[in-house]
Amino acid sequence: PKFEVTKPLSEVIIEDAKSELKKEGGSSSISPSIAATASYTMMPPPESIDAETGQDLRTKLIEKVGCPVGEYFPAWATSYATGHRKGIDAQGCGPGMHINSEIINLAFLVGFGVAMTGMLYATGNWESYLLRLDKESCEMMDEISATVMVVLLSPALLNSNPCLDELYQALENKMDFIVIRCDDDIPPKKNWWPLSDKKKRDIKQRDAFMLKRKKVVDFLVQQNTIPPPGETILTAPSAPGVFLKELRSALSR
């Protein structure tokens, strides 16, 4: 689909709210609380993220879940890379987690639940995130699986093997994708997810990795991004509104 980036976030939210009210037979006037929500601004990452700030970002997302994380099975998920800046950020922290939090908080402000994200889990519990992308496993547990994958496109994501695994699993489970451009310095696709020397030495590992990589790369290069090349989610004023409309549309399918 082609994304039309033409209106600021405030207009998008207010117009959508009016539309929903009319469908329900109500007035098309907008309450001050909804109008106030439209003033949300995407904040750029701080110059550095220390351990306390990183934990605070995680804690605030977990508090919004509204139930124990182990019992939480939302309809959408995000895939992001931390993008740790050596000598600048605390271990396990980086600008990617800040942007991920901003996007999830934006969606939460207009009524979406918190996305399934690695930030809800302690280090080492990444498998619980992947489980919620697997339709068959969720059906066996009488739970819903995530149906929409929001990709936070950045150079760090394109160098992260865990992100490759997440995107591959999302494709295997036929999830809808929304790709958000978080950095405009995206490398050419030949440099995405390089093959490590260790995998090169093991034929089975090499072939399995390259087949997985090919499926994800071939899919991702065909996707439009929000916003288009030349800007990012942090610099294009109308991009957050476009994202919200796409998320609403994808979750309603």
C-alpha atoms as a PDB file:
ATOM      1  CA  PRO A   1       0.000   0.000   0.000  1.00  0.00           C
ATOM      2  CA  LYS A   2       1.029   3.615  -0.568  1.00  0.00           C
ATOM      3  CA  PHE A   3       1.186   5.791   2.514  1.00  0.00           C
ATOM      4  CA  GLU A   4      -0.199   9.313   2.136  1.00  0.00           C
ATOM      5  CA  VAL A   5       1.736  11.624   4.445  1.00  0.00           C
ATOM      6  CA  THR A   6      -0.424  14.745   4.204  1.00  0.00           C
ATOM      7  CA  LYS A   7      -1.922  15.652   7.592  1.00  0.00           C
ATOM      8  CA  PRO A   8      -0.546  16.342  11.079  1.00  0.00           C
ATOM      9  CA  LEU A   9      -1.189  13.884  13.886  1.00  0.00           C
ATOM     10  CA  SER A  10      -3.754  16.149  15.560  1.00  0.00           C
ATOM     11  CA  GLU A  11      -6.014  16.200  12.489  1.00  0.00           C
ATOM     12  CA  VAL A  12      -5.703  12.453  11.950  1.00  0.00           C
ATOM     13  CA  ILE A  13      -6.725  11.594  15.512  1.00  0.00           C
ATOM     14  CA  ILE A  14      -9.578  14.095  15.622  1.00  0.00           C
ATOM     15  CA  GLU A  15     -10.962  13.044  12.218  1.00  0.00           C
ATOM     16  CA  ASP A  16     -10.805   9.372  13.162  1.00  0.00           C
ATOM     17  CA  ALA A  17     -12.501  10.072  16.488  1.00  0.00           C
ATOM     18  CA  LYS A  18     -15.307  11.974  14.730  1.00  0.00           C
ATOM     19  CA  SER A  19     -15.763   9.111  12.302  1.00  0.00           C
ATOM     20  CA  GLU A  20     -16.031   6.545  15.106  1.00  0.00           C
ATOM     21  CA  LEU A  21     -18.546   8.686  17.008  1.00  0.00           C
ATOM     22  CA  LYS A  22     -20.724   9.097  13.913  1.00  0.00           C
ATOM     23  CA  LYS A  23     -20.697   5.339  13.276  1.00  0.00           C
ATOM     24  CA  GLU A  24     -21.995   4.823  16.802  1.00  0.00           C
ATOM     25  CA  GLY A  25     -24.757   7.410  16.268  1.00  0.00           C
ATOM     26  CA  GLY A  26     -23.183   9.990  18.534  1.00  0.00           C
ATOM     27  CA  SER A  27     -22.151  13.606  18.102  1.00  0.00           C
ATOM     28  CA  SER A  28     -19.184  14.533  15.935  1.00  0.00           C
ATOM     29  CA  SER A  29     -17.845  16.932  18.578  1.00  0.00           C
ATOM     30  CA  ILE A  30     -14.512  16.017  20.134  1.00  0.00           C
ATOM     31  CA  SER A  31     -13.882  16.096  23.870  1.00  0.00           C
ATOM     32  CA  PRO A  32     -10.940  18.119  25.259  1.00  0.00           C
ATOM     33  CA  SER A  33      -9.246  14.888  26.393  1.00  0.00           C
ATOM     34  CA  ILE A  34      -9.109  13.490  22.846  1.00  0.00           C
ATOM     35  CA  ALA A  35      -7.906  16.818  21.461  1.00  0.00           C
ATOM     36  CA  ALA A  36      -5.195  16.923  24.140  1.00  0.00           C
ATOM     37  CA  THR A  37      -3.993  13.470  23.118  1.00  0.00           C
ATOM     38  CA  ALA A  38      -3.411  14.789  19.607  1.00  0.00           C
ATOM     39  CA  SER A  39      -0.624  17.051  20.868  1.00  0.00           C
ATOM     40  CA  TYR A  40       1.680  14.064  21.457  1.00  0.00           C
ATOM     41  CA  THR A  41       5.202  14.727  20.152  1.00  0.00           C
ATOM     42  CA  MET A  42       7.743  12.054  19.290  1.00  0.00           C
ATOM     43  CA  MET A  43      10.812  12.848  21.369  1.00  0.00           C
ATOM     44  CA  PRO A  44      14.298  12.051  20.017  1.00  0.00           C
ATOM     45  CA  PRO A  45      16.528   9.750  22.082  1.00  0.00           C
ATOM     46  CA  PRO A  46      18.658  11.406  24.760  1.00  0.00           C
ATOM     47  CA  GLU A  47      22.389  11.789  24.194  1.00  0.00           C
ATOM     48  CA  SER A  48      22.956   8.824  26.501  1.00  0.00           C
ATOM     49  CA  ILE A  49      20.789   6.256  28.277  1.00  0.00           C
ATOM     50  CA  ASP A  50      21.994   5.079  31.674  1.00  0.00           C
ATOM     51  CA  ALA A  51      20.834   1.945  33.471  1.00  0.00           C
ATOM     52  CA  GLU A  52      18.274   3.829  35.571  1.00  0.00           C
ATOM     53  CA  THR A  53      16.683   5.451  32.515  1.00  0.00           C
ATOM     54  CA  GLY A  54      16.605   2.142  30.673  1.00  0.00           C
ATOM     55  CA  GLN A  55      14.893   0.410  33.583  1.00  0.00           C
ATOM     56  CA  ASP A  56      12.426   3.284  33.889  1.00  0.00           C
ATOM     57  CA  LEU A  57      11.435   2.889  30.220  1.00  0.00           C
ATOM     58  CA  ARG A  58      10.816  -0.829  30.764  1.00  0.00           C
ATOM     59  CA  THR A  59       8.920  -0.340  34.024  1.00  0.00           C
ATOM     60  CA  LYS A  60       6.543   2.242  32.555  1.00  0.00           C
ATOM     61  CA  LEU A  61       5.624  -0.093  29.692  1.00  0.00           C
ATOM     62  CA  ILE A  62       5.078  -3.023  32.057  1.00  0.00           C
ATOM     63  CA  GLU A  63       2.827  -0.888  34.284  1.00  0.00           C
ATOM     64  CA  LYS A  64       0.613  -0.097  31.286  1.00  0.00           C
ATOM     65  CA  VAL A  65       0.051  -3.802  30.507  1.00  0.00           C
ATOM     66  CA  GLY A  66      -2.511  -4.103  33.297  1.00  0.00           C
ATOM     67  CA  CYS A  67      -1.845  -7.750  34.155  1.00  0.00           C
ATOM     68  CA  PRO A  68       1.146 -10.037  34.801  1.00  0.00           C
ATOM     69  CA  VAL A  69       3.315 -10.055  31.665  1.00  0.00           C
ATOM     70  CA  GLY A  70       3.196 -13.855  31.584  1.00  0.00           C
ATOM     71  CA  GLU A  71      -0.569 -13.654  31.029  1.00  0.00           C
ATOM     72  CA  TYR A  72      -0.364 -10.960  28.360  1.00  0.00           C
ATOM     73  CA  PHE A  73      -1.087 -11.837  24.713  1.00  0.00           C
ATOM     74  CA  PRO A  74      -1.581  -8.628  22.685  1.00  0.00           C
ATOM     75  CA  ALA A  75      -2.614  -8.415  19.035  1.00  0.00           C
ATOM     76  CA  TRP A  76       0.445  -6.486  17.862  1.00  0.00           C
ATOM     77  CA  ALA A  77       4.183  -6.609  18.397  1.00  0.00           C
ATOM     78  CA  THR A  78       7.270  -4.520  17.715  1.00  0.00           C
ATOM     79  CA  SER A  79      10.689  -5.622  16.542  1.00  0.00           C
ATOM     80  CA  TYR A  80      13.503  -3.220  17.362  1.00  0.00           C
ATOM     81  CA  ALA A  81      17.234  -3.248  18.027  1.00  0.00           C
ATOM     82  CA  THR A  82      18.626  -1.503  21.088  1.00  0.00           C
ATOM     83  CA  GLY A  83      21.415   0.129  19.082  1.00  0.00           C
ATOM     84  CA  HIS A  84      23.783   0.269  22.067  1.00  0.00           C
ATOM     85  CA  ARG A  85      26.350   3.080  21.732  1.00  0.00           C
ATOM     86  CA  LYS A  86      29.603   1.828  23.241  1.00  0.00           C
ATOM     87  CA  GLY A  87      30.982   4.154  25.871  1.00  0.00           C
ATOM     88  CA  ILE A  88      27.764   6.200  25.854  1.00  0.00           C
ATOM     89  CA  ASP A  89      24.870   3.983  26.926  1.00  0.00           C
ATOM     90  CA  ALA A  90      24.657   1.555  29.827  1.00  0.00           C
ATOM     91  CA  GLN A  91      24.856  -2.141  29.009  1.00  0.00           C
ATOM     92  CA  GLY A  92      21.630  -3.315  27.375  1.00  0.00           C
ATOM     93  CA  CYS A  93      20.476   0.241  26.687  1.00  0.00           C
ATOM     94  CA  GLY A  94      20.374   2.354  23.543  1.00  0.00           C
ATOM     95  CA  PRO A  95      18.324   4.742  21.405  1.00  0.00           C
ATOM     96  CA  GLY A  96      16.253   1.909  19.930  1.00  0.00           C
ATOM     97  CA  MET A  97      14.567   1.194  23.247  1.00  0.00           C
ATOM     98  CA  HIS A  98      13.667   4.872  23.598  1.00  0.00           C
ATOM     99  CA  ILE A  99      12.051   5.034  20.132  1.00  0.00           C
ATOM    100  CA  ASN A 100      10.281   1.725  20.773  1.00  0.00           C
ATOM    101  CA  SER A 101       8.829   3.147  23.986  1.00  0.00           C
ATOM    102  CA  GLU A 102       7.743   6.347  22.240  1.00  0.00           C
ATOM    103  CA  ILE A 103       5.878   4.436  19.537  1.00  0.00           C
ATOM    104  CA  ILE A 104       4.147   2.093  21.987  1.00  0.00           C
ATOM    105  CA  ASN A 105       3.227   4.989  24.291  1.00  0.00           C
ATOM    106  CA  LEU A 106       1.799   6.923  21.335  1.00  0.00           C
ATOM    107  CA  ALA A 107      -0.434   3.988  20.405  1.00  0.00           C
ATOM    108  CA  PHE A 108      -1.422   3.507  24.052  1.00  0.00           C
ATOM    109  CA  LEU A 109      -2.503   7.146  24.335  1.00  0.00           C
ATOM    110  CA  VAL A 110      -5.105   6.686  21.604  1.00  0.00           C
ATOM    111  CA  GLY A 111      -6.480   3.425  22.941  1.00  0.00           C
ATOM    112  CA  PHE A 112      -4.304   0.567  21.685  1.00  0.00           C
ATOM    113  CA  GLY A 113      -2.915  -1.951  24.154  1.00  0.00           C
ATOM    114  CA  VAL A 114       0.807  -2.209  24.822  1.00  0.00           C
ATOM    115  CA  ALA A 115       2.608  -4.058  22.042  1.00  0.00           C
ATOM    116  CA  MET A 116       4.365  -7.353  22.600  1.00  0.00           C
ATOM    117  CA  THR A 117       7.976  -6.254  22.900  1.00  0.00           C
ATOM    118  CA  GLY A 118      11.202  -7.573  24.323  1.00  0.00           C
ATOM    119  CA  MET A 119      11.185  -4.655  26.760  1.00  0.00           C
ATOM    120  CA  LEU A 120       8.467  -6.412  28.774  1.00  0.00           C
ATOM    121  CA  TYR A 121      10.838  -9.248  29.642  1.00  0.00           C
ATOM    122  CA  ALA A 122      13.983  -9.636  31.657  1.00  0.00           C
ATOM    123  CA  THR A 123      17.136 -10.478  29.725  1.00  0.00           C
ATOM    124  CA  GLY A 124      17.159 -14.145  28.759  1.00  0.00           C
ATOM    125  CA  ASN A 125      13.386 -14.518  28.450  1.00  0.00           C
ATOM    126  CA  TRP A 126      13.263 -13.633  24.747  1.00  0.00           C
ATOM    127  CA  GLU A 127      11.593 -16.970  23.913  1.00  0.00           C
ATOM    128  CA  SER A 128       8.405 -15.817  25.659  1.00  0.00           C
ATOM    129  CA  TYR A 129       8.214 -12.952  23.177  1.00  0.00           C
ATOM    130  CA  LEU A 130       8.649 -15.306  20.201  1.00  0.00           C
ATOM    131  CA  LEU A 131       5.979 -17.633  21.577  1.00  0.00           C
ATOM    132  CA  ARG A 132       3.399 -14.871  21.252  1.00  0.00           C
ATOM    133  CA  LEU A 133       4.103 -14.601  17.526  1.00  0.00           C
ATOM    134  CA  ASP A 134       3.397 -18.293  16.934  1.00  0.00           C
ATOM    135  CA  LYS A 135      -0.229 -18.899  16.006  1.00  0.00           C
ATOM    136  CA  GLU A 136      -0.236 -22.666  16.604  1.00  0.00           C
ATOM    137  CA  SER A 137       1.339 -22.384  20.057  1.00  0.00           C
ATOM    138  CA  CYS A 138      -1.080 -19.645  21.097  1.00  0.00           C
ATOM    139  CA  GLU A 139      -4.071 -21.657  19.889  1.00  0.00           C
ATOM    140  CA  MET A 140      -2.938 -24.613  22.011  1.00  0.00           C
ATOM    141  CA  MET A 141      -2.835 -22.289  25.033  1.00  0.00           C
ATOM    142  CA  ASP A 142      -6.272 -20.826  24.157  1.00  0.00           C
ATOM    143  CA  GLU A 143      -4.666 -17.438  23.626  1.00  0.00           C
ATOM    144  CA  ILE A 144      -4.529 -15.051  20.678  1.00  0.00           C
ATOM    145  CA  SER A 145      -1.295 -14.609  18.748  1.00  0.00           C
ATOM    146  CA  ALA A 146      -0.036 -11.238  17.566  1.00  0.00           C
ATOM    147  CA  THR A 147      -1.273 -10.498  14.043  1.00  0.00           C
ATOM    148  CA  VAL A 148       0.575  -7.238  13.303  1.00  0.00           C
ATOM    149  CA  MET A 149       4.357  -6.747  13.381  1.00  0.00           C
ATOM    150  CA  VAL A 150       5.673  -3.190  13.609  1.00  0.00           C
ATOM    151  CA  VAL A 151       9.297  -3.077  12.456  1.00  0.00           C
ATOM    152  CA  LEU A 152      11.501  -0.254  13.729  1.00  0.00           C
ATOM    153  CA  LEU A 153      13.857  -0.035  10.769  1.00  0.00           C
ATOM    154  CA  SER A 154      17.406   0.988  11.665  1.00  0.00           C
ATOM    155  CA  PRO A 155      20.988  -0.069  10.855  1.00  0.00           C
ATOM    156  CA  ALA A 156      21.124  -1.814  14.240  1.00  0.00           C
ATOM    157  CA  LEU A 157      18.020  -3.903  13.468  1.00  0.00           C
ATOM    158  CA  LEU A 158      19.556  -4.977  10.148  1.00  0.00           C
ATOM    159  CA  ASN A 159      22.591  -6.271  12.029  1.00  0.00           C
ATOM    160  CA  SER A 160      20.696  -8.058  14.821  1.00  0.00           C
ATOM    161  CA  ASN A 161      20.214 -11.811  14.525  1.00  0.00           C
ATOM    162  CA  PRO A 162      17.452 -11.855  17.179  1.00  0.00           C
ATOM    163  CA  CYS A 163      15.545  -9.293  15.076  1.00  0.00           C
ATOM    164  CA  LEU A 164      16.043 -11.511  12.028  1.00  0.00           C
ATOM    165  CA  ASP A 165      14.504 -14.399  13.979  1.00  0.00           C
ATOM    166  CA  GLU A 166      11.555 -12.225  15.030  1.00  0.00           C
ATOM    167  CA  LEU A 167      10.821 -11.070  11.500  1.00  0.00           C
ATOM    168  CA  TYR A 168      11.186 -14.583  10.113  1.00  0.00           C
ATOM    169  CA  GLN A 169       8.730 -15.939  12.673  1.00  0.00           C
ATOM    170  CA  ALA A 170       6.307 -13.123  11.883  1.00  0.00           C
ATOM    171  CA  LEU A 171       6.471 -14.024   8.188  1.00  0.00           C
ATOM    172  CA  GLU A 172       6.027 -17.717   8.937  1.00  0.00           C
ATOM    173  CA  ASN A 173       2.865 -16.839  10.861  1.00  0.00           C
ATOM    174  CA  LYS A 174       1.585 -14.554   8.074  1.00  0.00           C
ATOM    175  CA  MET A 175       1.472 -11.437  10.234  1.00  0.00           C
ATOM    176  CA  ASP A 176       0.738  -8.035   8.693  1.00  0.00           C
ATOM    177  CA  PHE A 177       3.747  -5.717   8.663  1.00  0.00           C
ATOM    178  CA  ILE A 178       4.127  -1.986   9.290  1.00  0.00           C
ATOM    179  CA  VAL A 179       7.663  -0.684   8.749  1.00  0.00           C
ATOM    180  CA  ILE A 180       8.657   2.505  10.560  1.00  0.00           C
ATOM    181  CA  ARG A 181      11.777   4.309   9.376  1.00  0.00           C
ATOM    182  CA  CYS A 182      13.709   5.248  12.522  1.00  0.00           C
ATOM    183  CA  ASP A 183      16.983   6.123  10.775  1.00  0.00           C
ATOM    184  CA  ASP A 184      17.513   7.375   7.247  1.00  0.00           C
ATOM    185  CA  ASP A 185      21.032   5.966   6.982  1.00  0.00           C
ATOM    186  CA  ILE A 186      19.940   2.475   5.920  1.00  0.00           C
ATOM    187  CA  PRO A 187      22.740   0.351   4.386  1.00  0.00           C
ATOM    188  CA  PRO A 188      22.336  -1.493   1.059  1.00  0.00           C
ATOM    189  CA  LYS A 189      20.599  -4.849   1.412  1.00  0.00           C
ATOM    190  CA  LYS A 190      23.792  -6.823   0.712  1.00  0.00           C
ATOM    191  CA  ASN A 191      25.030  -5.592   4.098  1.00  0.00           C
ATOM    192  CA  TRP A 192      21.942  -6.663   6.025  1.00  0.00           C
ATOM    193  CA  TRP A 193      22.491  -9.475   8.551  1.00  0.00           C
ATOM    194  CA  PRO A 194      26.021 -10.476   7.515  1.00  0.00           C
ATOM    195  CA  LEU A 195      27.054 -14.122   7.631  1.00  0.00           C
ATOM    196  CA  SER A 196      29.435 -14.713  10.535  1.00  0.00           C
ATOM    197  CA  ASP A 197      32.694 -16.626  10.141  1.00  0.00           C
ATOM    198  CA  LYS A 198      31.393 -19.219  12.608  1.00  0.00           C
ATOM    199  CA  LYS A 199      28.341 -19.950  10.463  1.00  0.00           C
ATOM    200  CA  LYS A 200      30.472 -20.034   7.320  1.00  0.00           C
ATOM    201  CA  ARG A 201      32.431 -22.942   8.784  1.00  0.00           C
ATOM    202  CA  ASP A 202      29.305 -25.015   9.482  1.00  0.00           C
ATOM    203  CA  ILE A 203      27.430 -25.888   6.283  1.00  0.00           C
ATOM    204  CA  LYS A 204      24.121 -26.656   8.024  1.00  0.00           C
ATOM    205  CA  GLN A 205      24.202 -23.438  10.034  1.00  0.00           C
ATOM    206  CA  ARG A 206      25.270 -21.465   6.979  1.00  0.00           C
ATOM    207  CA  ASP A 207      22.483 -22.752   4.750  1.00  0.00           C
ATOM    208  CA  ALA A 208      19.788 -22.401   7.429  1.00  0.00           C
ATOM    209  CA  PHE A 209      20.854 -18.828   8.146  1.00  0.00           C
ATOM    210  CA  MET A 210      21.039 -17.798   4.496  1.00  0.00           C
ATOM    211  CA  LEU A 211      17.601 -19.248   3.703  1.00  0.00           C
ATOM    212  CA  LYS A 212      16.089 -17.421   6.677  1.00  0.00           C
ATOM    213  CA  ARG A 213      17.895 -14.215   5.729  1.00  0.00           C
ATOM    214  CA  LYS A 214      16.773 -14.433   2.095  1.00  0.00           C
ATOM    215  CA  LYS A 215      13.108 -14.752   3.026  1.00  0.00           C
ATOM    216  CA  VAL A 216      13.210 -11.739   5.334  1.00  0.00           C
ATOM    217  CA  VAL A 217      15.352  -9.535   3.076  1.00  0.00           C
ATOM    218  CA  ASP A 218      13.310 -10.303  -0.044  1.00  0.00           C
ATOM    219  CA  PHE A 219      10.160  -9.335   1.837  1.00  0.00           C
ATOM    220  CA  LEU A 220      11.499  -6.266   3.611  1.00  0.00           C
ATOM    221  CA  VAL A 221      12.966  -4.551   0.540  1.00  0.00           C
ATOM    222  CA  GLN A 222       9.504  -4.540  -1.046  1.00  0.00           C
ATOM    223  CA  GLN A 223       7.834  -2.746   1.856  1.00  0.00           C
ATOM    224  CA  ASN A 224       7.003   0.955   1.948  1.00  0.00           C
ATOM    225  CA  THR A 225       8.142   2.706   5.099  1.00  0.00           C
ATOM    226  CA  ILE A 226       6.545   5.300   7.355  1.00  0.00           C
ATOM    227  CA  PRO A 227       7.743   7.900   6.507  1.00  0.00           C
ATOM    228  CA  PRO A 228       9.299   7.377   3.042  1.00  0.00           C
ATOM    229  CA  PRO A 229      13.100   7.680   2.580  1.00  0.00           C
ATOM    230  CA  GLY A 230      14.447  11.133   3.333  1.00  0.00           C
ATOM    231  CA  GLU A 231      12.825  11.483   6.752  1.00  0.00           C
ATOM    232  CA  THR A 232      12.243   9.422   9.893  1.00  0.00           C
ATOM    233  CA  ILE A 233       9.433   8.902  12.385  1.00  0.00           C
ATOM    234  CA  LEU A 234      11.140  11.588  14.505  1.00  0.00           C
ATOM    235  CA  THR A 235      11.402  14.221  11.755  1.00  0.00           C
ATOM    236  CA  ALA A 236       8.231  13.843   9.653  1.00  0.00           C
ATOM    237  CA  PRO A 237       5.400  15.655  11.514  1.00  0.00           C
ATOM    238  CA  SER A 238       2.605  13.582  10.001  1.00  0.00           C
ATOM    239  CA  ALA A 239       4.325  10.169  10.234  1.00  0.00           C
ATOM    240  CA  PRO A 240       2.984   9.277  13.715  1.00  0.00           C
ATOM    241  CA  GLY A 241      -0.565   9.874  12.490  1.00  0.00           C
ATOM    242  CA  VAL A 242       0.002   7.731   9.419  1.00  0.00           C
ATOM    243  CA  PHE A 243       1.317   4.958  11.665  1.00  0.00           C
ATOM    244  CA  LEU A 244      -1.765   5.089  13.899  1.00  0.00           C
ATOM    245  CA  LYS A 245      -4.089   4.852  10.919  1.00  0.00           C
ATOM    246  CA  GLU A 246      -2.159   1.900   9.497  1.00  0.00           C
ATOM    247  CA  LEU A 247      -2.139   0.145  12.867  1.00  0.00           C
ATOM    248  CA  ARG A 248      -5.883   0.615  13.290  1.00  0.00           C
ATOM    249  CA  SER A 249      -6.489  -0.690   9.761  1.00  0.00           C
ATOM    250  CA  ALA A 250      -4.224  -3.725  10.205  1.00  0.00           C
ATOM    251  CA  LEU A 251      -5.753  -4.716  13.543  1.00  0.00           C
ATOM    252  CA  SER A 252      -9.274  -4.467  12.153  1.00  0.00           C
ATOM    253  CA  ARG A 253      -8.601  -6.963   9.355  1.00  0.00           C
END
